[in-house]
Amino acid sequence: MNIVVHQLLMPGSPTFTVLHLSDIHIDFSYKPGSQTECTQPLCCREGEPAPGHAGAGFWGDLHSCDIPYWTAEKILQYAAALEK
């Protein structure tokens, strides 16, 4: 069996860095500590979490929630700082 290895870049070739952000959903009504599971299309906006359940996190939540604007803002600030 012959294995062919292709070198994608020649040594010393110029490179560049890409930040790909796709399909970002920002919720300007996001409220830390609010319900993460609700009957609305978006949660993490209002209401107290059910007993024994944690509320929405400060930076965002994995449930039916979009990210708060300050999380998106920090992502962009971090990316800009990497470029300096």
C-alpha atoms as a PDB file:
ATOM      1  CA  MET A   1       0.000   0.000   0.000  1.00  0.00           C
ATOM      2  CA  ASN A   2       1.415   3.396  -1.003  1.00  0.00           C
ATOM      3  CA  ILE A   3       0.602   6.354   1.210  1.00  0.00           C
ATOM      4  CA  VAL A   4       0.927   9.777  -0.376  1.00  0.00           C
ATOM      5  CA  VAL A   5       1.421  12.743   1.929  1.00  0.00           C
ATOM      6  CA  HIS A   6       0.745  16.185   0.484  1.00  0.00           C
ATOM      7  CA  GLN A   7       2.381  19.166   2.100  1.00  0.00           C
ATOM      8  CA  LEU A   8      -0.158  21.991   2.184  1.00  0.00           C
ATOM      9  CA  LEU A   9       2.257  24.823   2.946  1.00  0.00           C
ATOM     10  CA  MET A  10       5.823  25.286   1.936  1.00  0.00           C
ATOM     11  CA  PRO A  11       8.116  26.156   4.832  1.00  0.00           C
ATOM     12  CA  GLY A  12       8.227  29.933   5.245  1.00  0.00           C
ATOM     13  CA  SER A  13       4.932  30.505   3.414  1.00  0.00           C
ATOM     14  CA  PRO A  14       2.929  33.447   4.733  1.00  0.00           C
ATOM     15  CA  THR A  15       0.065  32.554   7.046  1.00  0.00           C
ATOM     16  CA  PHE A  16      -2.873  34.412   8.504  1.00  0.00           C
ATOM     17  CA  THR A  17      -5.330  33.939  11.333  1.00  0.00           C
ATOM     18  CA  VAL A  18      -9.082  33.916  10.845  1.00  0.00           C
ATOM     19  CA  LEU A  19     -11.803  34.449  13.409  1.00  0.00           C
ATOM     20  CA  HIS A  20     -15.004  32.914  12.097  1.00  0.00           C
ATOM     21  CA  LEU A  21     -18.117  33.904  14.019  1.00  0.00           C
ATOM     22  CA  SER A  22     -21.253  32.349  12.644  1.00  0.00           C
ATOM     23  CA  ASP A  23     -24.925  32.733  13.464  1.00  0.00           C
ATOM     24  CA  ILE A  24     -24.444  34.768  16.635  1.00  0.00           C
ATOM     25  CA  HIS A  25     -27.701  35.343  18.506  1.00  0.00           C
ATOM     26  CA  ILE A  26     -27.583  38.203  21.014  1.00  0.00           C
ATOM     27  CA  ASP A  27     -30.386  38.723  23.521  1.00  0.00           C
ATOM     28  CA  PHE A  28     -30.555  42.297  24.784  1.00  0.00           C
ATOM     29  CA  SER A  29     -33.209  41.175  27.306  1.00  0.00           C
ATOM     30  CA  TYR A  30     -31.040  38.425  28.852  1.00  0.00           C
ATOM     31  CA  LYS A  31     -31.251  38.380  32.658  1.00  0.00           C
ATOM     32  CA  PRO A  32     -28.712  36.430  34.737  1.00  0.00           C
ATOM     33  CA  GLY A  33     -30.403  34.225  37.332  1.00  0.00           C
ATOM     34  CA  SER A  34     -33.653  33.951  35.362  1.00  0.00           C
ATOM     35  CA  GLN A  35     -35.428  30.766  34.210  1.00  0.00           C
ATOM     36  CA  THR A  36     -33.446  28.675  31.747  1.00  0.00           C
ATOM     37  CA  GLU A  37     -36.334  26.353  30.902  1.00  0.00           C
ATOM     38  CA  CYS A  38     -39.647  27.958  29.953  1.00  0.00           C
ATOM     39  CA  THR A  39     -42.547  27.676  27.510  1.00  0.00           C
ATOM     40  CA  GLN A  40     -41.444  30.685  25.441  1.00  0.00           C
ATOM     41  CA  PRO A  41     -39.259  30.524  22.298  1.00  0.00           C
ATOM     42  CA  LEU A  42     -36.460  32.172  24.313  1.00  0.00           C
ATOM     43  CA  CYS A  43     -35.768  31.710  27.997  1.00  0.00           C
ATOM     44  CA  CYS A  44     -33.272  33.456  30.309  1.00  0.00           C
ATOM     45  CA  ARG A  45     -35.306  36.660  30.244  1.00  0.00           C
ATOM     46  CA  GLU A  46     -37.587  36.532  33.272  1.00  0.00           C
ATOM     47  CA  GLY A  47     -38.913  34.400  36.095  1.00  0.00           C
ATOM     48  CA  GLU A  48     -37.243  32.548  38.908  1.00  0.00           C
ATOM     49  CA  PRO A  49     -35.740  29.118  38.234  1.00  0.00           C
ATOM     50  CA  ALA A  50     -37.636  26.100  39.560  1.00  0.00           C
ATOM     51  CA  PRO A  51     -36.518  24.823  42.973  1.00  0.00           C
ATOM     52  CA  GLY A  52     -33.335  22.805  42.602  1.00  0.00           C
ATOM     53  CA  HIS A  53     -32.486  24.375  39.227  1.00  0.00           C
ATOM     54  CA  ALA A  54     -29.775  26.950  38.671  1.00  0.00           C
ATOM     55  CA  GLY A  55     -30.706  30.215  37.022  1.00  0.00           C
ATOM     56  CA  ALA A  56     -29.179  31.574  33.845  1.00  0.00           C
ATOM     57  CA  GLY A  57     -25.435  32.128  34.118  1.00  0.00           C
ATOM     58  CA  PHE A  58     -23.866  35.574  33.848  1.00  0.00           C
ATOM     59  CA  TRP A  59     -22.083  34.861  30.534  1.00  0.00           C
ATOM     60  CA  GLY A  60     -24.848  32.729  29.013  1.00  0.00           C
ATOM     61  CA  ASP A  61     -26.571  29.381  29.299  1.00  0.00           C
ATOM     62  CA  LEU A  62     -26.814  26.187  27.250  1.00  0.00           C
ATOM     63  CA  HIS A  63     -30.607  25.959  27.425  1.00  0.00           C
ATOM     64  CA  SER A  64     -33.071  27.817  25.161  1.00  0.00           C
ATOM     65  CA  CYS A  65     -31.221  31.096  25.552  1.00  0.00           C
ATOM     66  CA  ASP A  66     -29.283  33.429  23.289  1.00  0.00           C
ATOM     67  CA  ILE A  67     -26.139  35.045  24.676  1.00  0.00           C
ATOM     68  CA  PRO A  68     -26.241  38.375  26.513  1.00  0.00           C
ATOM     69  CA  TYR A  69     -24.768  41.372  24.705  1.00  0.00           C
ATOM     70  CA  TRP A  70     -21.874  41.642  27.186  1.00  0.00           C
ATOM     71  CA  THR A  71     -20.699  38.139  26.239  1.00  0.00           C
ATOM     72  CA  ALA A  72     -20.619  39.060  22.550  1.00  0.00           C
ATOM     73  CA  GLU A  73     -18.838  42.291  23.451  1.00  0.00           C
ATOM     74  CA  LYS A  74     -16.156  40.422  25.442  1.00  0.00           C
ATOM     75  CA  ILE A  75     -15.633  37.940  22.584  1.00  0.00           C
ATOM     76  CA  LEU A  76     -14.899  40.817  20.206  1.00  0.00           C
ATOM     77  CA  GLN A  77     -12.673  42.590  22.745  1.00  0.00           C
ATOM     78  CA  TYR A  78     -10.703  39.382  23.263  1.00  0.00           C
ATOM     79  CA  ALA A  79     -10.308  38.861  19.516  1.00  0.00           C
ATOM     80  CA  ALA A  80      -9.129  42.455  19.082  1.00  0.00           C
ATOM     81  CA  ALA A  81      -6.592  42.034  21.903  1.00  0.00           C
ATOM     82  CA  LEU A  82      -5.157  38.939  20.192  1.00  0.00           C
ATOM     83  CA  GLU A  83      -4.462  41.012  17.092  1.00  0.00           C
ATOM     84  CA  LYS A  84      -2.306  43.544  18.970  1.00  0.00           C
END
